[in-house]
């Protein structure tokens, strides 16, 4: 399974690199603009508040706490890979927002309802690509799905949790564009980046677990003898 995750992560990384280059060259400018206008036209204004709450949940402060809780409850072999992958992905996000020529959305299109100030909202590297919200939520949801899949929960419960997490991710993606917090390409880039690093972390963690099991077998055989 870990080999499949690695190949998927590599594929996502290549696609994300292609998207990053084309975004920097402003290839998707018209598509980004049209998708934002169409999304805002398609949805009623009463979603401003619930979407803003979602935006708050996806903020760095909140997702950071959720991630730390995941690391705490994860098996020991997974903790270091998860922390490293999440940290590197976040660093790449900040670098992208510093060098990729993707201007932020116009202020007059913003529909975010400010509930209370966050420290992360004051950090402005200059550009918009990729979306940190999409990156963090995708990373966390993939890890959660894998944890649920390997748990002893009933199949019906697992399927219900999968549906909830996927629905949450879908609404979060739409909310980023609708609120004009990000362009569509920002969100897609964040999703691919978060998914790639989550899969790499899980693959490395599984490899560590397998290696530890293999190393302990000779010791057990010696004790039996």
C-alpha atoms as a PDB file:
ATOM      1  CA  UNK A   1       0.000   0.000   0.000  1.00  0.00           C
ATOM      2  CA  UNK A   2       2.806   2.423   0.872  1.00  0.00           C
ATOM      3  CA  UNK A   3       4.251   2.140  -2.638  1.00  0.00           C
ATOM      4  CA  UNK A   4       0.903   3.169  -4.129  1.00  0.00           C
ATOM      5  CA  UNK A   5       0.728   6.165  -1.805  1.00  0.00           C
ATOM      6  CA  UNK A   6       4.227   7.226  -2.823  1.00  0.00           C
ATOM      7  CA  UNK A   7       3.445   7.031  -6.541  1.00  0.00           C
ATOM      8  CA  UNK A   8       0.210   8.983  -6.063  1.00  0.00           C
ATOM      9  CA  UNK A   9       2.111  11.593  -4.045  1.00  0.00           C
ATOM     10  CA  UNK A  10       4.756  11.886  -6.780  1.00  0.00           C
ATOM     11  CA  UNK A  11       2.041  12.314  -9.400  1.00  0.00           C
ATOM     12  CA  UNK A  12       0.336  15.000  -7.324  1.00  0.00           C
ATOM     13  CA  UNK A  13       3.667  16.725  -6.817  1.00  0.00           C
ATOM     14  CA  UNK A  14       4.323  16.845 -10.555  1.00  0.00           C
ATOM     15  CA  UNK A  15       0.839  18.190 -11.240  1.00  0.00           C
ATOM     16  CA  UNK A  16       1.244  20.766  -8.483  1.00  0.00           C
ATOM     17  CA  UNK A  17       4.571  21.895  -9.929  1.00  0.00           C
ATOM     18  CA  UNK A  18       2.954  22.274 -13.370  1.00  0.00           C
ATOM     19  CA  UNK A  19       0.084  24.244 -11.834  1.00  0.00           C
ATOM     20  CA  UNK A  20       2.506  26.451  -9.903  1.00  0.00           C
ATOM     21  CA  UNK A  21       4.455  27.340 -13.044  1.00  0.00           C
ATOM     22  CA  UNK A  22       1.337  28.063 -15.099  1.00  0.00           C
ATOM     23  CA  UNK A  23      -0.189  30.107 -12.271  1.00  0.00           C
ATOM     24  CA  UNK A  24       3.020  32.143 -12.069  1.00  0.00           C
ATOM     25  CA  UNK A  25       2.734  32.762 -15.830  1.00  0.00           C
ATOM     26  CA  UNK A  26      -0.903  33.909 -15.302  1.00  0.00           C
ATOM     27  CA  UNK A  27      -2.283  31.192 -17.597  1.00  0.00           C
ATOM     28  CA  UNK A  28      -5.398  30.631 -15.477  1.00  0.00           C
ATOM     29  CA  UNK A  29      -6.301  34.262 -14.796  1.00  0.00           C
ATOM     30  CA  UNK A  30      -9.562  34.226 -16.784  1.00  0.00           C
ATOM     31  CA  UNK A  31     -10.591  30.837 -15.391  1.00  0.00           C
ATOM     32  CA  UNK A  32      -9.954  32.012 -11.829  1.00  0.00           C
ATOM     33  CA  UNK A  33     -11.976  35.171 -12.331  1.00  0.00           C
ATOM     34  CA  UNK A  34     -14.915  33.439 -14.008  1.00  0.00           C
ATOM     35  CA  UNK A  35     -15.093  30.688 -11.390  1.00  0.00           C
ATOM     36  CA  UNK A  36     -15.126  33.212  -8.547  1.00  0.00           C
ATOM     37  CA  UNK A  37     -17.868  35.322 -10.120  1.00  0.00           C
ATOM     38  CA  UNK A  38     -19.926  32.233 -11.009  1.00  0.00           C
ATOM     39  CA  UNK A  39     -19.635  30.795  -7.485  1.00  0.00           C
ATOM     40  CA  UNK A  40     -20.734  34.031  -5.841  1.00  0.00           C
ATOM     41  CA  UNK A  41     -23.629  34.375  -8.285  1.00  0.00           C
ATOM     42  CA  UNK A  42     -24.796  30.793  -7.702  1.00  0.00           C
ATOM     43  CA  UNK A  43     -24.997  30.916  -3.905  1.00  0.00           C
ATOM     44  CA  UNK A  44     -27.237  33.094  -1.672  1.00  0.00           C
ATOM     45  CA  UNK A  45     -25.744  35.685   0.656  1.00  0.00           C
ATOM     46  CA  UNK A  46     -27.005  33.882   3.776  1.00  0.00           C
ATOM     47  CA  UNK A  47     -24.094  31.432   3.395  1.00  0.00           C
ATOM     48  CA  UNK A  48     -21.653  34.236   4.208  1.00  0.00           C
ATOM     49  CA  UNK A  49     -21.755  33.483   7.938  1.00  0.00           C
ATOM     50  CA  UNK A  50     -21.572  29.656   7.874  1.00  0.00           C
ATOM     51  CA  UNK A  51     -18.836  29.792   5.244  1.00  0.00           C
ATOM     52  CA  UNK A  52     -16.966  32.313   7.395  1.00  0.00           C
ATOM     53  CA  UNK A  53     -17.213  29.911  10.333  1.00  0.00           C
ATOM     54  CA  UNK A  54     -15.703  27.233   8.101  1.00  0.00           C
ATOM     55  CA  UNK A  55     -12.942  29.662   7.216  1.00  0.00           C
ATOM     56  CA  UNK A  56     -12.307  30.152  10.917  1.00  0.00           C
ATOM     57  CA  UNK A  57     -12.119  26.384  11.479  1.00  0.00           C
ATOM     58  CA  UNK A  58      -9.600  26.112   8.634  1.00  0.00           C
ATOM     59  CA  UNK A  59      -7.380  28.866  10.038  1.00  0.00           C
ATOM     60  CA  UNK A  60      -3.804  27.993  10.969  1.00  0.00           C
ATOM     61  CA  UNK A  61      -4.469  28.311  14.706  1.00  0.00           C
ATOM     62  CA  UNK A  62      -7.428  25.893  14.729  1.00  0.00           C
ATOM     63  CA  UNK A  63      -6.071  23.355  12.247  1.00  0.00           C
ATOM     64  CA  UNK A  64      -2.750  23.468  14.074  1.00  0.00           C
ATOM     65  CA  UNK A  65      -4.457  22.368  17.300  1.00  0.00           C
ATOM     66  CA  UNK A  66      -6.384  19.656  15.449  1.00  0.00           C
ATOM     67  CA  UNK A  67      -3.142  18.434  13.889  1.00  0.00           C
ATOM     68  CA  UNK A  68      -1.402  18.285  17.266  1.00  0.00           C
ATOM     69  CA  UNK A  69      -4.311  16.228  18.623  1.00  0.00           C
ATOM     70  CA  UNK A  70      -3.928  13.830  15.682  1.00  0.00           C
ATOM     71  CA  UNK A  71      -0.210  13.503  16.344  1.00  0.00           C
ATOM     72  CA  UNK A  72      -0.890  12.826  20.032  1.00  0.00           C
ATOM     73  CA  UNK A  73      -3.351  10.010  19.271  1.00  0.00           C
ATOM     74  CA  UNK A  74      -1.352   8.589  16.355  1.00  0.00           C
ATOM     75  CA  UNK A  75       0.877   5.571  16.737  1.00  0.00           C
ATOM     76  CA  UNK A  76       4.461   6.500  17.726  1.00  0.00           C
ATOM     77  CA  UNK A  77       5.845   5.438  14.335  1.00  0.00           C
ATOM     78  CA  UNK A  78       3.637   8.023  12.624  1.00  0.00           C
ATOM     79  CA  UNK A  79       4.355  11.059  14.759  1.00  0.00           C
ATOM     80  CA  UNK A  80       7.685  12.221  13.333  1.00  0.00           C
ATOM     81  CA  UNK A  81       6.694  11.661   9.659  1.00  0.00           C
ATOM     82  CA  UNK A  82       3.437  13.547  10.192  1.00  0.00           C
ATOM     83  CA  UNK A  83       5.132  16.489  11.914  1.00  0.00           C
ATOM     84  CA  UNK A  84       7.876  16.730   9.285  1.00  0.00           C
ATOM     85  CA  UNK A  85       5.458  16.437   6.344  1.00  0.00           C
ATOM     86  CA  UNK A  86       3.054  19.006   7.777  1.00  0.00           C
ATOM     87  CA  UNK A  87       5.912  21.396   8.522  1.00  0.00           C
ATOM     88  CA  UNK A  88       7.514  21.085   5.080  1.00  0.00           C
ATOM     89  CA  UNK A  89       4.152  21.503   3.335  1.00  0.00           C
ATOM     90  CA  UNK A  90       3.477  24.651   5.350  1.00  0.00           C
ATOM     91  CA  UNK A  91       6.937  25.992   4.494  1.00  0.00           C
ATOM     92  CA  UNK A  92       6.312  25.366   0.781  1.00  0.00           C
ATOM     93  CA  UNK A  93       2.983  27.173   1.114  1.00  0.00           C
ATOM     94  CA  UNK A  94       4.690  30.254   2.570  1.00  0.00           C
ATOM     95  CA  UNK A  95       7.387  30.171  -0.123  1.00  0.00           C
ATOM     96  CA  UNK A  96       4.712  29.928  -2.817  1.00  0.00           C
ATOM     97  CA  UNK A  97       2.863  32.908  -1.410  1.00  0.00           C
ATOM     98  CA  UNK A  98       6.121  34.832  -1.503  1.00  0.00           C
ATOM     99  CA  UNK A  99       7.353  34.090  -5.022  1.00  0.00           C
ATOM    100  CA  UNK A 100       4.452  32.805  -7.184  1.00  0.00           C
ATOM    101  CA  UNK A 101       2.953  35.721  -9.088  1.00  0.00           C
ATOM    102  CA  UNK A 102      -0.685  35.237  -8.096  1.00  0.00           C
ATOM    103  CA  UNK A 103      -2.246  38.511  -6.840  1.00  0.00           C
ATOM    104  CA  UNK A 104      -4.803  38.219  -4.063  1.00  0.00           C
ATOM    105  CA  UNK A 105      -8.499  38.592  -4.854  1.00  0.00           C
ATOM    106  CA  UNK A 106      -9.967  42.134  -5.041  1.00  0.00           C
ATOM    107  CA  UNK A 107     -11.090  43.455  -1.670  1.00  0.00           C
ATOM    108  CA  UNK A 108     -14.509  44.512  -2.997  1.00  0.00           C
ATOM    109  CA  UNK A 109     -15.382  40.859  -3.716  1.00  0.00           C
ATOM    110  CA  UNK A 110     -14.622  39.616  -0.203  1.00  0.00           C
ATOM    111  CA  UNK A 111     -17.605  38.151   1.652  1.00  0.00           C
ATOM    112  CA  UNK A 112     -15.852  36.948   4.775  1.00  0.00           C
ATOM    113  CA  UNK A 113     -17.610  37.913   7.994  1.00  0.00           C
ATOM    114  CA  UNK A 114     -14.956  38.727  10.582  1.00  0.00           C
ATOM    115  CA  UNK A 115     -15.920  36.953  13.802  1.00  0.00           C
ATOM    116  CA  UNK A 116     -12.788  37.751  15.786  1.00  0.00           C
ATOM    117  CA  UNK A 117      -9.214  38.608  14.804  1.00  0.00           C
ATOM    118  CA  UNK A 118      -6.647  35.875  14.251  1.00  0.00           C
ATOM    119  CA  UNK A 119      -2.886  36.229  14.225  1.00  0.00           C
ATOM    120  CA  UNK A 120      -2.594  34.260  10.984  1.00  0.00           C
ATOM    121  CA  UNK A 121      -4.851  36.774   9.228  1.00  0.00           C
ATOM    122  CA  UNK A 122      -2.184  39.438   9.759  1.00  0.00           C
ATOM    123  CA  UNK A 123       0.475  37.407   7.940  1.00  0.00           C
ATOM    124  CA  UNK A 124       0.578  38.581   4.328  1.00  0.00           C
ATOM    125  CA  UNK A 125       3.505  37.230   2.267  1.00  0.00           C
ATOM    126  CA  UNK A 126       2.224  39.147  -0.761  1.00  0.00           C
ATOM    127  CA  UNK A 127       0.638  36.586  -3.068  1.00  0.00           C
ATOM    128  CA  UNK A 128      -2.225  34.110  -2.929  1.00  0.00           C
ATOM    129  CA  UNK A 129      -0.992  30.718  -4.193  1.00  0.00           C
ATOM    130  CA  UNK A 130      -1.501  28.118  -2.715  1.00  0.00           C
ATOM    131  CA  UNK A 131      -4.400  28.072  -0.248  1.00  0.00           C
ATOM    132  CA  UNK A 132      -3.248  27.189   3.249  1.00  0.00           C
ATOM    133  CA  UNK A 133      -6.794  26.310   4.303  1.00  0.00           C
ATOM    134  CA  UNK A 134      -7.077  23.750   1.492  1.00  0.00           C
ATOM    135  CA  UNK A 135      -3.619  22.379   2.230  1.00  0.00           C
ATOM    136  CA  UNK A 136      -4.162  21.886   5.966  1.00  0.00           C
ATOM    137  CA  UNK A 137      -7.701  20.515   5.797  1.00  0.00           C
ATOM    138  CA  UNK A 138      -6.778  18.082   3.003  1.00  0.00           C
ATOM    139  CA  UNK A 139      -3.742  16.859   4.943  1.00  0.00           C
ATOM    140  CA  UNK A 140      -5.736  16.357   8.138  1.00  0.00           C
ATOM    141  CA  UNK A 141      -8.713  14.715   6.420  1.00  0.00           C
ATOM    142  CA  UNK A 142      -6.521  12.185   4.587  1.00  0.00           C
ATOM    143  CA  UNK A 143      -4.800  11.256   7.847  1.00  0.00           C
ATOM    144  CA  UNK A 144      -8.175  10.970   9.586  1.00  0.00           C
ATOM    145  CA  UNK A 145      -9.551   8.753   6.814  1.00  0.00           C
ATOM    146  CA  UNK A 146      -6.553   6.430   7.108  1.00  0.00           C
ATOM    147  CA  UNK A 147      -6.915   6.306  10.904  1.00  0.00           C
ATOM    148  CA  UNK A 148     -10.618   5.500  10.585  1.00  0.00           C
ATOM    149  CA  UNK A 149      -9.917   2.820   7.963  1.00  0.00           C
ATOM    150  CA  UNK A 150      -7.426   1.077  10.263  1.00  0.00           C
ATOM    151  CA  UNK A 151      -9.686   1.335  13.321  1.00  0.00           C
ATOM    152  CA  UNK A 152     -12.076  -1.298  14.703  1.00  0.00           C
ATOM    153  CA  UNK A 153     -15.181   0.788  14.034  1.00  0.00           C
ATOM    154  CA  UNK A 154     -18.144  -0.803  12.287  1.00  0.00           C
ATOM    155  CA  UNK A 155     -18.311  -0.428   8.519  1.00  0.00           C
ATOM    156  CA  UNK A 156     -21.494   1.670   8.704  1.00  0.00           C
ATOM    157  CA  UNK A 157     -19.825   4.061  11.154  1.00  0.00           C
ATOM    158  CA  UNK A 158     -16.720   4.273   8.985  1.00  0.00           C
ATOM    159  CA  UNK A 159     -18.757   5.056   5.875  1.00  0.00           C
ATOM    160  CA  UNK A 160     -20.658   7.757   7.741  1.00  0.00           C
ATOM    161  CA  UNK A 161     -17.418   9.361   8.908  1.00  0.00           C
ATOM    162  CA  UNK A 162     -15.944   9.170   5.403  1.00  0.00           C
ATOM    163  CA  UNK A 163     -19.017  10.898   3.976  1.00  0.00           C
ATOM    164  CA  UNK A 164     -18.881  13.627   6.625  1.00  0.00           C
ATOM    165  CA  UNK A 165     -15.172  14.323   6.070  1.00  0.00           C
ATOM    166  CA  UNK A 166     -15.504  14.405   2.282  1.00  0.00           C
ATOM    167  CA  UNK A 167     -18.549  16.679   2.501  1.00  0.00           C
ATOM    168  CA  UNK A 168     -16.656  18.974   4.862  1.00  0.00           C
ATOM    169  CA  UNK A 169     -13.737  19.133   2.439  1.00  0.00           C
ATOM    170  CA  UNK A 170     -16.042  19.885  -0.503  1.00  0.00           C
ATOM    171  CA  UNK A 171     -17.825  22.709   1.319  1.00  0.00           C
ATOM    172  CA  UNK A 172     -14.506  24.107   2.544  1.00  0.00           C
ATOM    173  CA  UNK A 173     -13.223  24.194  -1.050  1.00  0.00           C
ATOM    174  CA  UNK A 174     -16.323  26.013  -2.291  1.00  0.00           C
ATOM    175  CA  UNK A 175     -16.234  28.443   0.636  1.00  0.00           C
ATOM    176  CA  UNK A 176     -12.685  29.579  -0.133  1.00  0.00           C
ATOM    177  CA  UNK A 177     -13.697  30.649  -3.631  1.00  0.00           C
ATOM    178  CA  UNK A 178     -17.133  31.990  -2.664  1.00  0.00           C
ATOM    179  CA  UNK A 179     -15.733  34.194   0.110  1.00  0.00           C
ATOM    180  CA  UNK A 180     -13.112  35.444  -2.369  1.00  0.00           C
ATOM    181  CA  UNK A 181     -10.411  34.428   0.070  1.00  0.00           C
ATOM    182  CA  UNK A 182      -8.679  32.541  -2.742  1.00  0.00           C
ATOM    183  CA  UNK A 183      -8.786  31.859  -6.454  1.00  0.00           C
ATOM    184  CA  UNK A 184      -9.792  28.397  -7.673  1.00  0.00           C
ATOM    185  CA  UNK A 185      -6.214  27.555  -8.683  1.00  0.00           C
ATOM    186  CA  UNK A 186      -5.035  28.479  -5.170  1.00  0.00           C
ATOM    187  CA  UNK A 187      -7.439  25.930  -3.726  1.00  0.00           C
ATOM    188  CA  UNK A 188      -6.493  23.204  -6.215  1.00  0.00           C
ATOM    189  CA  UNK A 189      -2.808  23.810  -5.538  1.00  0.00           C
ATOM    190  CA  UNK A 190      -3.375  23.587  -1.779  1.00  0.00           C
ATOM    191  CA  UNK A 191      -5.335  20.350  -2.132  1.00  0.00           C
ATOM    192  CA  UNK A 192      -2.630  18.674  -4.211  1.00  0.00           C
ATOM    193  CA  UNK A 193       0.149  19.859  -1.910  1.00  0.00           C
ATOM    194  CA  UNK A 194      -1.659  18.726   1.240  1.00  0.00           C
ATOM    195  CA  UNK A 195      -2.615  15.359  -0.260  1.00  0.00           C
ATOM    196  CA  UNK A 196       0.907  14.668  -1.535  1.00  0.00           C
ATOM    197  CA  UNK A 197       2.573  15.307   1.810  1.00  0.00           C
ATOM    198  CA  UNK A 198      -0.095  13.450   3.778  1.00  0.00           C
ATOM    199  CA  UNK A 199       0.391  10.352   1.613  1.00  0.00           C
ATOM    200  CA  UNK A 200       4.170  10.587   1.884  1.00  0.00           C
ATOM    201  CA  UNK A 201       3.921  10.855   5.678  1.00  0.00           C
ATOM    202  CA  UNK A 202       1.607   7.837   5.899  1.00  0.00           C
ATOM    203  CA  UNK A 203       3.822   5.813   3.558  1.00  0.00           C
ATOM    204  CA  UNK A 204       6.947   6.576   5.610  1.00  0.00           C
ATOM    205  CA  UNK A 205       5.074   5.788   8.831  1.00  0.00           C
ATOM    206  CA  UNK A 206       3.925   2.428   7.446  1.00  0.00           C
ATOM    207  CA  UNK A 207       7.453   1.679   6.270  1.00  0.00           C
ATOM    208  CA  UNK A 208       8.769   2.471   9.774  1.00  0.00           C
ATOM    209  CA  UNK A 209       6.182   0.181  11.361  1.00  0.00           C
ATOM    210  CA  UNK A 210       7.039  -2.665   8.983  1.00  0.00           C
ATOM    211  CA  UNK A 211      10.771  -2.224   9.588  1.00  0.00           C
ATOM    212  CA  UNK A 212      10.301  -2.284  13.360  1.00  0.00           C
ATOM    213  CA  UNK A 213       8.250  -5.479  13.125  1.00  0.00           C
ATOM    214  CA  UNK A 214      10.888  -7.155  10.983  1.00  0.00           C
ATOM    215  CA  UNK A 215      13.671  -6.128  13.385  1.00  0.00           C
ATOM    216  CA  UNK A 216      11.862  -7.462  16.457  1.00  0.00           C
ATOM    217  CA  UNK A 217      11.134 -10.913  15.003  1.00  0.00           C
ATOM    218  CA  UNK A 218      14.751 -12.209  15.310  1.00  0.00           C
ATOM    219  CA  UNK A 219      14.835 -11.026  18.932  1.00  0.00           C
ATOM    220  CA  UNK A 220      11.630 -12.924  19.692  1.00  0.00           C
ATOM    221  CA  UNK A 221      12.974 -16.048  17.983  1.00  0.00           C
ATOM    222  CA  UNK A 222      16.133 -15.893  20.081  1.00  0.00           C
ATOM    223  CA  UNK A 223      14.095 -15.666  23.273  1.00  0.00           C
ATOM    224  CA  UNK A 224      11.996 -18.673  22.243  1.00  0.00           C
ATOM    225  CA  UNK A 225      15.126 -20.728  21.600  1.00  0.00           C
END
